[in-house]
Amino acid sequence: MAICEKLSNLTFFDPACGSGNFLTETYLQLRRLENNVVKLIYPNPSLDVGQAKD
């Protein structure tokens, strides 16, 4: 999965200089994106990737 490889190699700069909120939110959004990619590649409805229901 090339997209997963690209996602895992991303780096980020924290403009808040250490509060952690920016990096935490960035991580959460990347996990959601990764979960959506996995769902598209493996459309098995029984696969639970741990994402909360909207």
PDB file of N, CA and C in Angstrom:
ATOM      1  N   MET A   1       0.832  -1.174   0.000  1.00  0.00           N
ATOM      2  CA  MET A   1       0.000   0.000   0.000  1.00  0.00           C
ATOM      3  C   MET A   1       0.881   1.244   0.000  1.00  0.00           C
ATOM      4  N   ALA A   2       1.015   1.855  -1.148  1.00  0.00           N
ATOM      5  CA  ALA A   2       1.864   3.031  -1.290  1.00  0.00           C
ATOM      6  C   ALA A   2       1.366   4.209  -0.454  1.00  0.00           C
ATOM      7  N   ILE A   3       0.042   4.372  -0.382  1.00  0.00           N
ATOM      8  CA  ILE A   3      -0.501   5.486   0.388  1.00  0.00           C
ATOM      9  C   ILE A   3      -0.158   5.354   1.868  1.00  0.00           C
ATOM     10  N   CYS A   4      -0.190   4.147   2.397  1.00  0.00           N
ATOM     11  CA  CYS A   4       0.160   3.941   3.804  1.00  0.00           C
ATOM     12  C   CYS A   4       1.646   4.223   4.032  1.00  0.00           C
ATOM     13  N   GLU A   5       2.467   3.866   3.064  1.00  0.00           N
ATOM     14  CA  GLU A   5       3.901   4.161   3.165  1.00  0.00           C
ATOM     15  C   GLU A   5       4.127   5.669   3.175  1.00  0.00           C
ATOM     16  N   LYS A   6       3.424   6.384   2.312  1.00  0.00           N
ATOM     17  CA  LYS A   6       3.554   7.847   2.280  1.00  0.00           C
ATOM     18  C   LYS A   6       3.073   8.471   3.583  1.00  0.00           C
ATOM     19  N   LEU A   7       1.955   7.979   4.094  1.00  0.00           N
ATOM     20  CA  LEU A   7       1.441   8.511   5.357  1.00  0.00           C
ATOM     21  C   LEU A   7       2.426   8.282   6.498  1.00  0.00           C
ATOM     22  N   SER A   8       3.068   7.118   6.503  1.00  0.00           N
ATOM     23  CA  SER A   8       3.987   6.816   7.603  1.00  0.00           C
ATOM     24  C   SER A   8       5.276   7.619   7.533  1.00  0.00           C
ATOM     25  N   ASN A   9       5.570   8.210   6.385  1.00  0.00           N
ATOM     26  CA  ASN A   9       6.807   8.985   6.235  1.00  0.00           C
ATOM     27  C   ASN A   9       6.602  10.489   6.345  1.00  0.00           C
ATOM     28  N   LEU A  10       5.392  10.925   6.648  1.00  0.00           N
ATOM     29  CA  LEU A  10       5.135  12.359   6.806  1.00  0.00           C
ATOM     30  C   LEU A  10       5.759  12.874   8.096  1.00  0.00           C
ATOM     31  N   THR A  11       6.236  14.102   8.047  1.00  0.00           N
ATOM     32  CA  THR A  11       6.735  14.764   9.261  1.00  0.00           C
ATOM     33  C   THR A  11       5.996  16.091   9.415  1.00  0.00           C
ATOM     34  N   PHE A  12       5.885  16.544  10.651  1.00  0.00           N
ATOM     35  CA  PHE A  12       5.129  17.755  10.933  1.00  0.00           C
ATOM     36  C   PHE A  12       5.896  18.667  11.868  1.00  0.00           C
ATOM     37  N   PHE A  13       5.665  19.954  11.692  1.00  0.00           N
ATOM     38  CA  PHE A  13       6.219  20.977  12.561  1.00  0.00           C
ATOM     39  C   PHE A  13       5.101  21.464  13.472  1.00  0.00           C
ATOM     40  N   ASP A  14       5.367  21.536  14.752  1.00  0.00           N
ATOM     41  CA  ASP A  14       4.367  21.971  15.722  1.00  0.00           C
ATOM     42  C   ASP A  14       4.452  23.489  15.893  1.00  0.00           C
ATOM     43  N   PRO A  15       3.534  24.255  15.273  1.00  0.00           N
ATOM     44  CA  PRO A  15       3.600  25.719  15.396  1.00  0.00           C
ATOM     45  C   PRO A  15       3.269  26.214  16.798  1.00  0.00           C
ATOM     46  N   ALA A  16       2.672  25.368  17.637  1.00  0.00           N
ATOM     47  CA  ALA A  16       2.340  25.769  19.004  1.00  0.00           C
ATOM     48  C   ALA A  16       3.545  25.643  19.931  1.00  0.00           C
ATOM     49  N   CYS A  17       4.647  25.155  19.409  1.00  0.00           N
ATOM     50  CA  CYS A  17       5.905  25.060  20.156  1.00  0.00           C
ATOM     51  C   CYS A  17       5.793  24.251  21.446  1.00  0.00           C
ATOM     52  N   GLY A  18       5.152  23.115  21.366  1.00  0.00           N
ATOM     53  CA  GLY A  18       5.233  22.205  22.486  1.00  0.00           C
ATOM     54  C   GLY A  18       4.002  21.972  23.324  1.00  0.00           C
ATOM     55  N   SER A  19       2.870  22.625  23.021  1.00  0.00           N
ATOM     56  CA  SER A  19       1.689  22.371  23.846  1.00  0.00           C
ATOM     57  C   SER A  19       1.143  20.954  23.612  1.00  0.00           C
ATOM     58  N   GLY A  20       1.429  20.393  22.438  1.00  0.00           N
ATOM     59  CA  GLY A  20       1.005  19.037  22.135  1.00  0.00           C
ATOM     60  C   GLY A  20      -0.334  18.942  21.435  1.00  0.00           C
ATOM     61  N   ASN A  21      -1.160  19.965  21.514  1.00  0.00           N
ATOM     62  CA  ASN A  21      -2.498  19.908  20.925  1.00  0.00           C
ATOM     63  C   ASN A  21      -2.435  19.747  19.406  1.00  0.00           C
ATOM     64  N   PHE A  22      -1.584  20.510  18.742  1.00  0.00           N
ATOM     65  CA  PHE A  22      -1.479  20.417  17.287  1.00  0.00           C
ATOM     66  C   PHE A  22      -1.065  19.010  16.870  1.00  0.00           C
ATOM     67  N   LEU A  23      -0.061  18.472  17.522  1.00  0.00           N
ATOM     68  CA  LEU A  23       0.418  17.138  17.155  1.00  0.00           C
ATOM     69  C   LEU A  23      -0.606  16.059  17.479  1.00  0.00           C
ATOM     70  N   THR A  24      -1.315  16.210  18.578  1.00  0.00           N
ATOM     71  CA  THR A  24      -2.347  15.242  18.943  1.00  0.00           C
ATOM     72  C   THR A  24      -3.466  15.240  17.918  1.00  0.00           C
ATOM     73  N   GLU A  25      -3.938  16.411  17.540  1.00  0.00           N
ATOM     74  CA  GLU A  25      -5.005  16.509  16.548  1.00  0.00           C
ATOM     75  C   GLU A  25      -4.538  16.014  15.180  1.00  0.00           C
ATOM     76  N   THR A  26      -3.305  16.307  14.824  1.00  0.00           N
ATOM     77  CA  THR A  26      -2.748  15.827  13.560  1.00  0.00           C
ATOM     78  C   THR A  26      -2.706  14.307  13.553  1.00  0.00           C
ATOM     79  N   TYR A  27      -2.253  13.728  14.641  1.00  0.00           N
ATOM     80  CA  TYR A  27      -2.208  12.267  14.753  1.00  0.00           C
ATOM     81  C   TYR A  27      -3.603  11.662  14.606  1.00  0.00           C
ATOM     82  N   LEU A  28      -4.581  12.225  15.293  1.00  0.00           N
ATOM     83  CA  LEU A  28      -5.944  11.693  15.231  1.00  0.00           C
ATOM     84  C   LEU A  28      -6.503  11.763  13.814  1.00  0.00           C
ATOM     85  N   GLN A  29      -6.260  12.874  13.122  1.00  0.00           N
ATOM     86  CA  GLN A  29      -6.749  13.003  11.751  1.00  0.00           C
ATOM     87  C   GLN A  29      -6.046  12.024  10.814  1.00  0.00           C
ATOM     88  N   LEU A  30      -4.756  11.819  11.012  1.00  0.00           N
ATOM     89  CA  LEU A  30      -4.034  10.848  10.186  1.00  0.00           C
ATOM     90  C   LEU A  30      -4.529   9.432  10.422  1.00  0.00           C
ATOM     91  N   ARG A  31      -4.834   9.099  11.663  1.00  0.00           N
ATOM     92  CA  ARG A  31      -5.387   7.771  11.964  1.00  0.00           C
ATOM     93  C   ARG A  31      -6.744   7.581  11.294  1.00  0.00           C
ATOM     94  N   ARG A  32      -7.580   8.623  11.320  1.00  0.00           N
ATOM     95  CA  ARG A  32      -8.878   8.538  10.647  1.00  0.00           C
ATOM     96  C   ARG A  32      -8.689   8.338   9.148  1.00  0.00           C
ATOM     97  N   LEU A  33      -7.748   9.079   8.563  1.00  0.00           N
ATOM     98  CA  LEU A  33      -7.463   8.932   7.143  1.00  0.00           C
ATOM     99  C   LEU A  33      -6.968   7.524   6.832  1.00  0.00           C
ATOM    100  N   GLU A  34      -6.052   7.026   7.652  1.00  0.00           N
ATOM    101  CA  GLU A  34      -5.536   5.675   7.458  1.00  0.00           C
ATOM    102  C   GLU A  34      -6.661   4.634   7.566  1.00  0.00           C
ATOM    103  N   ASN A  35      -7.534   4.793   8.537  1.00  0.00           N
ATOM    104  CA  ASN A  35      -8.660   3.865   8.698  1.00  0.00           C
ATOM    105  C   ASN A  35      -9.570   3.890   7.476  1.00  0.00           C
ATOM    106  N   ASN A  36      -9.817   5.072   6.922  1.00  0.00           N
ATOM    107  CA  ASN A  36     -10.645   5.174   5.724  1.00  0.00           C
ATOM    108  C   ASN A  36      -9.973   4.510   4.527  1.00  0.00           C
ATOM    109  N   VAL A  37      -8.663   4.654   4.400  1.00  0.00           N
ATOM    110  CA  VAL A  37      -7.925   4.001   3.315  1.00  0.00           C
ATOM    111  C   VAL A  37      -8.029   2.487   3.454  1.00  0.00           C
ATOM    112  N   VAL A  38      -7.847   1.988   4.660  1.00  0.00           N
ATOM    113  CA  VAL A  38      -7.936   0.539   4.895  1.00  0.00           C
ATOM    114  C   VAL A  38      -9.336   0.035   4.539  1.00  0.00           C
ATOM    115  N   LYS A  39     -10.359   0.787   4.912  1.00  0.00           N
ATOM    116  CA  LYS A  39     -11.733   0.389   4.597  1.00  0.00           C
ATOM    117  C   LYS A  39     -11.973   0.347   3.092  1.00  0.00           C
ATOM    118  N   LEU A  40     -11.362   1.280   2.354  1.00  0.00           N
ATOM    119  CA  LEU A  40     -11.520   1.286   0.900  1.00  0.00           C
ATOM    120  C   LEU A  40     -10.790   0.118   0.246  1.00  0.00           C
ATOM    121  N   ILE A  41      -9.625  -0.203   0.765  1.00  0.00           N
ATOM    122  CA  ILE A  41      -8.824  -1.288   0.185  1.00  0.00           C
ATOM    123  C   ILE A  41      -9.395  -2.643   0.560  1.00  0.00           C
ATOM    124  N   TYR A  42      -9.832  -2.778   1.808  1.00  0.00           N
ATOM    125  CA  TYR A  42     -10.385  -4.037   2.316  1.00  0.00           C
ATOM    126  C   TYR A  42     -11.818  -3.796   2.779  1.00  0.00           C
ATOM    127  N   PRO A  43     -12.780  -3.811   1.859  1.00  0.00           N
ATOM    128  CA  PRO A  43     -14.166  -3.464   2.221  1.00  0.00           C
ATOM    129  C   PRO A  43     -14.912  -4.575   2.950  1.00  0.00           C
ATOM    130  N   ASN A  44     -14.285  -5.156   3.948  1.00  0.00           N
ATOM    131  CA  ASN A  44     -14.910  -6.207   4.735  1.00  0.00           C
ATOM    132  C   ASN A  44     -15.687  -5.559   5.878  1.00  0.00           C
ATOM    133  N   PRO A  45     -17.023  -5.647   5.863  1.00  0.00           N
ATOM    134  CA  PRO A  45     -17.800  -4.990   6.919  1.00  0.00           C
ATOM    135  C   PRO A  45     -17.541  -5.537   8.317  1.00  0.00           C
ATOM    136  N   SER A  46     -16.989  -6.720   8.434  1.00  0.00           N
ATOM    137  CA  SER A  46     -16.705  -7.275   9.750  1.00  0.00           C
ATOM    138  C   SER A  46     -15.369  -6.775  10.301  1.00  0.00           C
ATOM    139  N   LEU A  47     -14.585  -6.074   9.458  1.00  0.00           N
ATOM    140  CA  LEU A  47     -13.300  -5.536   9.893  1.00  0.00           C
ATOM    141  C   LEU A  47     -13.542  -4.286  10.733  1.00  0.00           C
ATOM    142  N   ASP A  48     -13.130  -4.333  11.978  1.00  0.00           N
ATOM    143  CA  ASP A  48     -13.291  -3.189  12.870  1.00  0.00           C
ATOM    144  C   ASP A  48     -11.944  -2.533  13.030  1.00  0.00           C
ATOM    145  N   VAL A  49     -11.806  -1.301  12.537  1.00  0.00           N
ATOM    146  CA  VAL A  49     -10.541  -0.583  12.646  1.00  0.00           C
ATOM    147  C   VAL A  49     -10.537   0.393  13.809  1.00  0.00           C
ATOM    148  N   GLY A  50     -11.527   0.279  14.684  1.00  0.00           N
ATOM    149  CA  GLY A  50     -11.512   1.053  15.915  1.00  0.00           C
ATOM    150  C   GLY A  50     -11.992   2.484  15.797  1.00  0.00           C
ATOM    151  N   GLN A  51     -12.661   2.837  14.712  1.00  0.00           N
ATOM    152  CA  GLN A  51     -13.126   4.197  14.561  1.00  0.00           C
ATOM    153  C   GLN A  51     -14.530   4.318  15.098  1.00  0.00           C
ATOM    154  N   ALA A  52     -14.767   5.377  15.853  1.00  0.00           N
ATOM    155  CA  ALA A  52     -16.092   5.604  16.434  1.00  0.00           C
ATOM    156  C   ALA A  52     -17.111   5.895  15.344  1.00  0.00           C
ATOM    157  N   LYS A  53     -18.341   5.522  15.611  1.00  0.00           N
ATOM    158  CA  LYS A  53     -19.431   5.797  14.676  1.00  0.00           C
ATOM    159  C   LYS A  53     -19.746   7.288  14.696  1.00  0.00           C
ATOM    160  N   ASP A  54     -20.028   7.847  13.508  1.00  0.00           N
ATOM    161  CA  ASP A  54     -20.382   9.275  13.427  1.00  0.00           C
ATOM    162  C   ASP A  54     -21.830   9.510  13.763  1.00  0.00           C
TER     163      ASP A  54
END
